[in-house]
C-alpha atoms as a PDB file:
ATOM      1  CA  MET A   1       0.000   0.000   0.000  1.00  0.00           C
ATOM      2  CA  LYS A   2       1.382   3.403  -0.964  1.00  0.00           C
ATOM      3  CA  LYS A   3       2.403   5.805   1.792  1.00  0.00           C
ATOM      4  CA  ASN A   4       0.202   8.865   2.161  1.00  0.00           C
ATOM      5  CA  ILE A   5       2.109  12.113   1.549  1.00  0.00           C
ATOM      6  CA  VAL A   6       0.339  15.382   2.382  1.00  0.00           C
ATOM      7  CA  VAL A   7       1.865  18.585   1.032  1.00  0.00           C
ATOM      8  CA  LEU A   8       0.960  22.077   2.278  1.00  0.00           C
ATOM      9  CA  THR A   9       2.066  24.790  -0.143  1.00  0.00           C
ATOM     10  CA  GLY A  10       2.066  28.563   0.088  1.00  0.00           C
ATOM     11  CA  ALA A  11       2.944  31.586  -2.000  1.00  0.00           C
ATOM     12  CA  GLY A  12       6.651  30.771  -2.118  1.00  0.00           C
ATOM     13  CA  ILE A  13       6.237  27.881  -4.539  1.00  0.00           C
ATOM     14  CA  SER A  14       4.271  29.988  -7.033  1.00  0.00           C
ATOM     15  CA  ALA A  15       6.531  33.024  -6.665  1.00  0.00           C
ATOM     16  CA  GLU A  16       9.285  31.171  -8.511  1.00  0.00           C
ATOM     17  CA  SER A  17       6.952  30.864 -11.484  1.00  0.00           C
ATOM     18  CA  GLY A  18       6.505  34.630 -11.537  1.00  0.00           C
ATOM     19  CA  ILE A  19       3.329  35.041  -9.495  1.00  0.00           C
ATOM     20  CA  LYS A  20       3.820  37.932  -7.097  1.00  0.00           C
ATOM     21  CA  THR A  21       2.935  37.682  -3.422  1.00  0.00           C
ATOM     22  CA  PHE A  22       2.177  40.180  -0.676  1.00  0.00           C
ATOM     23  CA  ARG A  23       4.030  38.216   1.981  1.00  0.00           C
ATOM     24  CA  ASP A  24       7.075  40.508   2.107  1.00  0.00           C
ATOM     25  CA  ALA A  25       5.535  43.778   0.963  1.00  0.00           C
ATOM     26  CA  ASP A  26       3.977  45.292   4.088  1.00  0.00           C
ATOM     27  CA  GLY A  27       0.527  44.004   3.217  1.00  0.00           C
ATOM     28  CA  LEU A  28       0.604  45.365  -0.326  1.00  0.00           C
ATOM     29  CA  TRP A  29      -0.383  43.137  -3.213  1.00  0.00           C
ATOM     30  CA  GLU A  30       0.494  44.540  -6.636  1.00  0.00           C
ATOM     31  CA  GLY A  31       0.387  48.036  -5.097  1.00  0.00           C
ATOM     32  CA  HIS A  32      -2.932  47.548  -3.315  1.00  0.00           C
ATOM     33  CA  ASP A  33      -3.662  47.214   0.365  1.00  0.00           C
ATOM     34  CA  VAL A  34      -4.852  43.612   0.634  1.00  0.00           C
ATOM     35  CA  MET A  35      -8.001  44.676   2.485  1.00  0.00           C
ATOM     36  CA  GLU A  36      -9.020  46.732  -0.547  1.00  0.00           C
ATOM     37  CA  VAL A  37      -8.920  43.751  -2.882  1.00  0.00           C
ATOM     38  CA  ALA A  38      -9.245  40.700  -0.626  1.00  0.00           C
ATOM     39  CA  SER A  39     -12.037  41.398   1.822  1.00  0.00           C
ATOM     40  CA  PRO A  40     -15.851  41.503   1.687  1.00  0.00           C
ATOM     41  CA  GLN A  41     -15.658  45.134   2.824  1.00  0.00           C
ATOM     42  CA  GLY A  42     -13.377  46.005  -0.074  1.00  0.00           C
ATOM     43  CA  PHE A  43     -15.759  44.369  -2.531  1.00  0.00           C
ATOM     44  CA  LEU A  44     -18.736  46.283  -1.143  1.00  0.00           C
ATOM     45  CA  LYS A  45     -16.804  49.554  -1.239  1.00  0.00           C
ATOM     46  CA  ASN A  46     -15.334  49.250  -4.720  1.00  0.00           C
ATOM     47  CA  PRO A  47     -16.439  46.124  -6.607  1.00  0.00           C
ATOM     48  CA  GLU A  48     -14.983  47.343  -9.919  1.00  0.00           C
ATOM     49  CA  LEU A  49     -11.511  47.623  -8.372  1.00  0.00           C
ATOM     50  CA  VAL A  50     -11.762  44.133  -6.903  1.00  0.00           C
ATOM     51  CA  LEU A  51     -13.033  42.545 -10.113  1.00  0.00           C
ATOM     52  CA  ASP A  52     -10.303  44.271 -12.145  1.00  0.00           C
ATOM     53  CA  PHE A  53      -7.664  43.092  -9.688  1.00  0.00           C
ATOM     54  CA  TYR A  54      -8.648  39.436 -10.108  1.00  0.00           C
ATOM     55  CA  ASN A  55      -9.156  39.850 -13.840  1.00  0.00           C
ATOM     56  CA  GLN A  56      -5.497  40.873 -14.064  1.00  0.00           C
ATOM     57  CA  ARG A  57      -4.426  37.886 -11.975  1.00  0.00           C
ATOM     58  CA  ARG A  58      -6.554  35.598 -14.166  1.00  0.00           C
ATOM     59  CA  ARG A  59      -5.030  36.993 -17.366  1.00  0.00           C
ATOM     60  CA  GLN A  60      -1.559  36.400 -15.954  1.00  0.00           C
ATOM     61  CA  LEU A  61      -2.069  32.685 -15.375  1.00  0.00           C
ATOM     62  CA  PRO A  62      -1.550  31.481 -18.988  1.00  0.00           C
ATOM     63  CA  LYS A  63       1.728  33.422 -19.072  1.00  0.00           C
ATOM     64  CA  VAL A  64       3.298  31.515 -16.171  1.00  0.00           C
ATOM     65  CA  THR A  65       4.230  27.851 -16.019  1.00  0.00           C
ATOM     66  CA  PRO A  66       4.778  25.236 -13.304  1.00  0.00           C
ATOM     67  CA  ASN A  67       8.334  25.140 -11.975  1.00  0.00           C
ATOM     68  CA  LYS A  68      10.622  22.336 -10.831  1.00  0.00           C
ATOM     69  CA  ALA A  69       8.996  22.191  -7.412  1.00  0.00           C
ATOM     70  CA  HIS A  70       5.494  21.743  -8.830  1.00  0.00           C
ATOM     71  CA  LYS A  71       6.766  19.044 -11.182  1.00  0.00           C
ATOM     72  CA  ALA A  72       8.694  17.221  -8.453  1.00  0.00           C
ATOM     73  CA  LEU A  73       5.546  16.986  -6.341  1.00  0.00           C
ATOM     74  CA  ALA A  74       3.561  15.654  -9.279  1.00  0.00           C
ATOM     75  CA  ALA A  75       6.249  13.036  -9.950  1.00  0.00           C
ATOM     76  CA  LEU A  76       5.910  11.795  -6.358  1.00  0.00           C
ATOM     77  CA  GLU A  77       2.613  10.213  -7.381  1.00  0.00           C
ATOM     78  CA  GLN A  78       4.570   7.473  -9.131  1.00  0.00           C
ATOM     79  CA  ASN A  79       5.490   6.016  -5.739  1.00  0.00           C
ATOM     80  CA  PHE A  80       3.168   7.602  -3.184  1.00  0.00           C
ATOM     81  CA  LYS A  81      -0.395   8.693  -2.636  1.00  0.00           C
ATOM     82  CA  VAL A  82      -0.001  12.486  -2.705  1.00  0.00           C
ATOM     83  CA  THR A  83      -2.517  15.151  -1.733  1.00  0.00           C
ATOM     84  CA  VAL A  84      -1.559  18.801  -2.165  1.00  0.00           C
ATOM     85  CA  ILE A  85      -3.300  21.269   0.122  1.00  0.00           C
ATOM     86  CA  THR A  86      -2.495  24.696  -1.255  1.00  0.00           C
ATOM     87  CA  GLN A  87      -3.096  28.213  -0.041  1.00  0.00           C
ATOM     88  CA  ASN A  88      -2.521  29.415  -3.615  1.00  0.00           C
ATOM     89  CA  VAL A  89      -5.358  30.306  -5.983  1.00  0.00           C
ATOM     90  CA  ASP A  90      -3.486  29.500  -9.208  1.00  0.00           C
ATOM     91  CA  ASP A  91      -3.681  26.233 -11.161  1.00  0.00           C
ATOM     92  CA  LEU A  92       0.048  25.463 -11.347  1.00  0.00           C
ATOM     93  CA  HIS A  93      -0.160  22.253  -9.295  1.00  0.00           C
ATOM     94  CA  GLU A  94      -2.815  20.860 -11.622  1.00  0.00           C
ATOM     95  CA  ARG A  95      -0.903  21.886 -14.740  1.00  0.00           C
ATOM     96  CA  ALA A  96       2.228  20.199 -13.372  1.00  0.00           C
ATOM     97  CA  GLY A  97       0.292  16.942 -13.110  1.00  0.00           C
ATOM     98  CA  SER A  98      -0.820  16.706  -9.467  1.00  0.00           C
ATOM     99  CA  SER A  99      -4.120  14.837  -9.427  1.00  0.00           C
ATOM    100  CA  GLN A 100      -5.315  15.557  -5.877  1.00  0.00           C
ATOM    101  CA  VAL A 101      -5.285  19.283  -5.064  1.00  0.00           C
ATOM    102  CA  VAL A 102      -7.298  21.004  -2.331  1.00  0.00           C
ATOM    103  CA  HIS A 103      -7.492  24.798  -2.665  1.00  0.00           C
ATOM    104  CA  LEU A 104      -7.970  26.277   0.796  1.00  0.00           C
ATOM    105  CA  HIS A 105      -8.306  29.861  -0.368  1.00  0.00           C
ATOM    106  CA  GLY A 106     -10.286  29.335  -3.566  1.00  0.00           C
ATOM    107  CA  GLU A 107      -9.381  29.365  -7.251  1.00  0.00           C
ATOM    108  CA  LEU A 108      -8.793  32.136  -9.764  1.00  0.00           C
ATOM    109  CA  LEU A 109     -10.390  30.109 -12.522  1.00  0.00           C
ATOM    110  CA  LYS A 110     -13.725  29.833 -10.754  1.00  0.00           C
ATOM    111  CA  VAL A 111     -16.424  32.312  -9.733  1.00  0.00           C
ATOM    112  CA  ARG A 112     -19.522  32.026  -7.590  1.00  0.00           C
ATOM    113  CA  SER A 113     -22.720  33.913  -6.954  1.00  0.00           C
ATOM    114  CA  THR A 114     -22.862  36.512  -4.204  1.00  0.00           C
ATOM    115  CA  TYR A 115     -26.106  34.721  -3.298  1.00  0.00           C
ATOM    116  CA  GLY A 116     -24.259  31.467  -2.627  1.00  0.00           C
ATOM    117  CA  GLY A 117     -24.104  28.088  -4.301  1.00  0.00           C
ATOM    118  CA  ASN A 118     -21.429  26.084  -6.054  1.00  0.00           C
ATOM    119  CA  PRO A 119     -18.535  27.676  -7.951  1.00  0.00           C
ATOM    120  CA  ILE A 120     -18.403  27.564 -11.735  1.00  0.00           C
ATOM    121  CA  ALA A 121     -15.420  27.526 -14.107  1.00  0.00           C
ATOM    122  CA  TRP A 122     -14.505  30.958 -15.436  1.00  0.00           C
ATOM    123  CA  THR A 123     -11.576  31.936 -17.656  1.00  0.00           C
ATOM    124  CA  LYS A 124     -12.592  35.343 -19.032  1.00  0.00           C
ATOM    125  CA  ASP A 125     -12.831  38.729 -17.314  1.00  0.00           C
ATOM    126  CA  LEU A 126     -15.538  39.022 -14.656  1.00  0.00           C
ATOM    127  CA  MET A 127     -17.469  42.276 -14.863  1.00  0.00           C
ATOM    128  CA  LEU A 128     -20.187  44.119 -12.984  1.00  0.00           C
ATOM    129  CA  GLY A 129     -23.398  42.881 -14.572  1.00  0.00           C
ATOM    130  CA  ASP A 130     -22.254  39.259 -14.836  1.00  0.00           C
ATOM    131  CA  TYR A 131     -25.058  37.548 -12.949  1.00  0.00           C
ATOM    132  CA  CYS A 132     -25.875  34.048 -11.809  1.00  0.00           C
ATOM    133  CA  GLU A 133     -29.071  32.361 -13.003  1.00  0.00           C
ATOM    134  CA  LYS A 134     -30.941  33.896 -10.065  1.00  0.00           C
ATOM    135  CA  GLY A 135     -29.877  37.405 -10.998  1.00  0.00           C
ATOM    136  CA  TYR A 136     -27.167  37.972  -8.406  1.00  0.00           C
ATOM    137  CA  GLN A 137     -23.718  39.398  -9.174  1.00  0.00           C
ATOM    138  CA  LEU A 138     -20.921  36.880  -9.606  1.00  0.00           C
ATOM    139  CA  ARG A 139     -17.749  37.289  -7.541  1.00  0.00           C
ATOM    140  CA  PRO A 140     -14.303  35.670  -7.582  1.00  0.00           C
ATOM    141  CA  HIS A 141     -14.214  32.235  -5.949  1.00  0.00           C
ATOM    142  CA  ILE A 142     -11.624  33.447  -3.455  1.00  0.00           C
ATOM    143  CA  VAL A 143     -11.653  33.162   0.331  1.00  0.00           C
ATOM    144  CA  TRP A 144     -11.197  36.748   1.451  1.00  0.00           C
ATOM    145  CA  PHE A 145      -9.925  37.950   4.814  1.00  0.00           C
ATOM    146  CA  GLY A 146     -12.641  37.544   7.407  1.00  0.00           C
ATOM    147  CA  GLU A 147     -14.469  34.784   5.521  1.00  0.00           C
ATOM    148  CA  ASP A 148     -14.787  31.136   6.507  1.00  0.00           C
ATOM    149  CA  VAL A 149     -12.469  28.574   4.904  1.00  0.00           C
ATOM    150  CA  PRO A 150     -14.938  25.892   3.782  1.00  0.00           C
ATOM    151  CA  MET A 151     -12.266  23.402   2.694  1.00  0.00           C
ATOM    152  CA  MET A 152     -10.570  23.457   6.098  1.00  0.00           C
ATOM    153  CA  THR A 153     -12.547  20.524   7.504  1.00  0.00           C
ATOM    154  CA  ASN A 154     -11.548  18.405   4.519  1.00  0.00           C
ATOM    155  CA  ALA A 155      -7.919  19.518   4.865  1.00  0.00           C
ATOM    156  CA  ILE A 156      -7.834  18.567   8.544  1.00  0.00           C
ATOM    157  CA  GLU A 157      -9.169  15.085   7.764  1.00  0.00           C
ATOM    158  CA  ILE A 158      -6.572  14.615   5.009  1.00  0.00           C
ATOM    159  CA  THR A 159      -3.710  15.856   7.204  1.00  0.00           C
ATOM    160  CA  SER A 160      -4.692  13.595  10.103  1.00  0.00           C
ATOM    161  CA  LYS A 161      -4.136  10.555   7.853  1.00  0.00           C
ATOM    162  CA  ALA A 162      -0.701  11.628   6.564  1.00  0.00           C
ATOM    163  CA  ASP A 163       2.296   9.316   6.800  1.00  0.00           C
ATOM    164  CA  VAL A 164       4.541  12.256   5.872  1.00  0.00           C
ATOM    165  CA  LEU A 165       3.867  16.012   5.887  1.00  0.00           C
ATOM    166  CA  MET A 166       5.729  18.376   3.561  1.00  0.00           C
ATOM    167  CA  ILE A 167       5.412  22.158   4.030  1.00  0.00           C
ATOM    168  CA  ILE A 168       6.633  24.340   1.166  1.00  0.00           C
ATOM    169  CA  GLY A 169       6.927  28.079   0.650  1.00  0.00           C
ATOM    170  CA  THR A 170       4.699  29.276   3.446  1.00  0.00           C
ATOM    171  CA  SER A 171       5.418  31.478   6.439  1.00  0.00           C
ATOM    172  CA  MET A 172       3.099  29.365   8.612  1.00  0.00           C
ATOM    173  CA  GLN A 173       1.633  32.640   9.860  1.00  0.00           C
ATOM    174  CA  VAL A 174      -1.721  32.559   8.029  1.00  0.00           C
ATOM    175  CA  TYR A 175      -4.496  30.831   9.930  1.00  0.00           C
ATOM    176  CA  PRO A 176      -6.326  28.542   9.866  1.00  0.00           C
ATOM    177  CA  ALA A 177      -3.995  26.945   7.271  1.00  0.00           C
ATOM    178  CA  ALA A 178      -0.975  27.165   9.590  1.00  0.00           C
ATOM    179  CA  SER A 179      -2.792  25.078  12.197  1.00  0.00           C
ATOM    180  CA  LEU A 180      -2.795  22.003   9.953  1.00  0.00           C
ATOM    181  CA  ILE A 181       0.608  20.969  11.336  1.00  0.00           C
ATOM    182  CA  ASN A 182      -1.164  20.327  14.651  1.00  0.00           C
ATOM    183  CA  TYR A 183      -3.354  17.614  13.139  1.00  0.00           C
ATOM    184  CA  VAL A 184      -0.673  15.195  11.961  1.00  0.00           C
ATOM    185  CA  ALA A 185      -0.156  12.006  13.923  1.00  0.00           C
ATOM    186  CA  SER A 186       2.564  12.133  16.556  1.00  0.00           C
ATOM    187  CA  GLY A 187       6.042  11.384  15.281  1.00  0.00           C
ATOM    188  CA  ILE A 188       5.451  11.360  11.532  1.00  0.00           C
ATOM    189  CA  PRO A 189       8.225  12.932   9.402  1.00  0.00           C
ATOM    190  CA  ILE A 190       7.758  16.619   8.594  1.00  0.00           C
ATOM    191  CA  TYR A 191       9.739  18.446   5.897  1.00  0.00           C
ATOM    192  CA  PHE A 192       9.727  22.244   6.026  1.00  0.00           C
ATOM    193  CA  ILE A 193      11.080  23.952   2.895  1.00  0.00           C
ATOM    194  CA  ASP A 194      11.379  27.740   2.948  1.00  0.00           C
ATOM    195  CA  PRO A 195      14.283  30.208   2.590  1.00  0.00           C
ATOM    196  CA  ARG A 196      13.347  31.740   5.950  1.00  0.00           C
ATOM    197  CA  PRO A 197      11.707  28.926   7.893  1.00  0.00           C
ATOM    198  CA  SER A 198       9.558  30.078  10.794  1.00  0.00           C
ATOM    199  CA  ILE A 199       9.904  26.656  12.434  1.00  0.00           C
ATOM    200  CA  GLN A 200      13.415  25.440  13.234  1.00  0.00           C
ATOM    201  CA  ARG A 201      12.807  22.416  15.436  1.00  0.00           C
ATOM    202  CA  ASN A 202      10.150  20.534  17.308  1.00  0.00           C
ATOM    203  CA  PRO A 203      10.285  18.424  20.483  1.00  0.00           C
ATOM    204  CA  LEU A 204       9.790  15.126  18.656  1.00  0.00           C
ATOM    205  CA  ASN A 205      12.894  15.676  16.486  1.00  0.00           C
ATOM    206  CA  ASN A 206      10.942  14.532  13.415  1.00  0.00           C
ATOM    207  CA  LEU A 207      11.331  17.837  11.568  1.00  0.00           C
ATOM    208  CA  MET A 208      13.701  18.263   8.626  1.00  0.00           C
ATOM    209  CA  VAL A 209      14.197  21.945   7.812  1.00  0.00           C
ATOM    210  CA  ILE A 210      15.474  22.809   4.334  1.00  0.00           C
ATOM    211  CA  ALA A 211      16.161  26.548   4.298  1.00  0.00           C
ATOM    212  CA  GLN A 212      16.026  26.960   0.534  1.00  0.00           C
ATOM    213  CA  LYS A 213      13.602  28.156  -2.101  1.00  0.00           C
ATOM    214  CA  ALA A 214      11.112  25.624  -3.412  1.00  0.00           C
ATOM    215  CA  THR A 215      12.791  24.766  -6.726  1.00  0.00           C
ATOM    216  CA  THR A 216      15.972  23.657  -4.963  1.00  0.00           C
ATOM    217  CA  GLY A 217      14.542  22.468  -1.655  1.00  0.00           C
ATOM    218  CA  VAL A 218      11.722  20.263  -2.917  1.00  0.00           C
ATOM    219  CA  PRO A 219      13.997  17.955  -4.969  1.00  0.00           C
ATOM    220  CA  ILE A 220      16.203  17.560  -1.864  1.00  0.00           C
ATOM    221  CA  ALA A 221      13.201  16.628   0.265  1.00  0.00           C
ATOM    222  CA  VAL A 222      11.855  14.273  -2.387  1.00  0.00           C
ATOM    223  CA  ALA A 223      15.205  12.482  -2.692  1.00  0.00           C
ATOM    224  CA  ASP A 224      15.424  12.078   1.095  1.00  0.00           C
ATOM    225  CA  LEU A 225      11.827  10.891   1.271  1.00  0.00           C
ATOM    226  CA  VAL A 226      12.290   8.293  -1.455  1.00  0.00           C
ATOM    227  CA  ASP A 227      15.519   7.083   0.175  1.00  0.00           C
ATOM    228  CA  LYS A 228      13.934   6.699   3.639  1.00  0.00           C
ATOM    229  CA  VAL A 229      10.454   5.466   2.831  1.00  0.00           C
ATOM    230  CA  LEU A 230      10.731   3.296  -0.295  1.00  0.00           C
END
């Protein structure tokens, strides 16, 4: 039976493909205060600004490609059962070949009604006046600050069954995603890959810290994992 590898990824893995983050920019994202473009209040105040912001992000996606880290994780599926839980809203994991991807914070290529309901695929610009079948404005399928994270329950269940946890390119400062490390079984191996890791050690001594960017650190972790587990 294949070992169950759970991977938690953050902005750092996508940054190497050219997708900008607001992690190191004093809360600014592409020149905007994140609360202006990533909160329900911001959407109510200036919906055109918010829609334009995500339209630009959506247009950028075809211009970027999965990097070595994305591809290394996809290749792990040859020998392991791999589930990627990502905080990113891009589709780079899927395009690299990962078959099981949980998007905690939503997806750029989906929208949903402000009334509620299931998300729908969306690749073009989203404009004011784009309505659902019930006549309500559509909005980006993004979990904004202050909103519930509906996929969190699923992510906790997945993480609790992990044989190995790999954390890549995340500051582990954004909750509730950062709390997932608390749900792994006691003593399972944990790999933490980030140039500036916020976690250096843990009392169980089962943590391997690789203080490198994703494209160099993930292949190191994968090689160590294959050597130890297979």
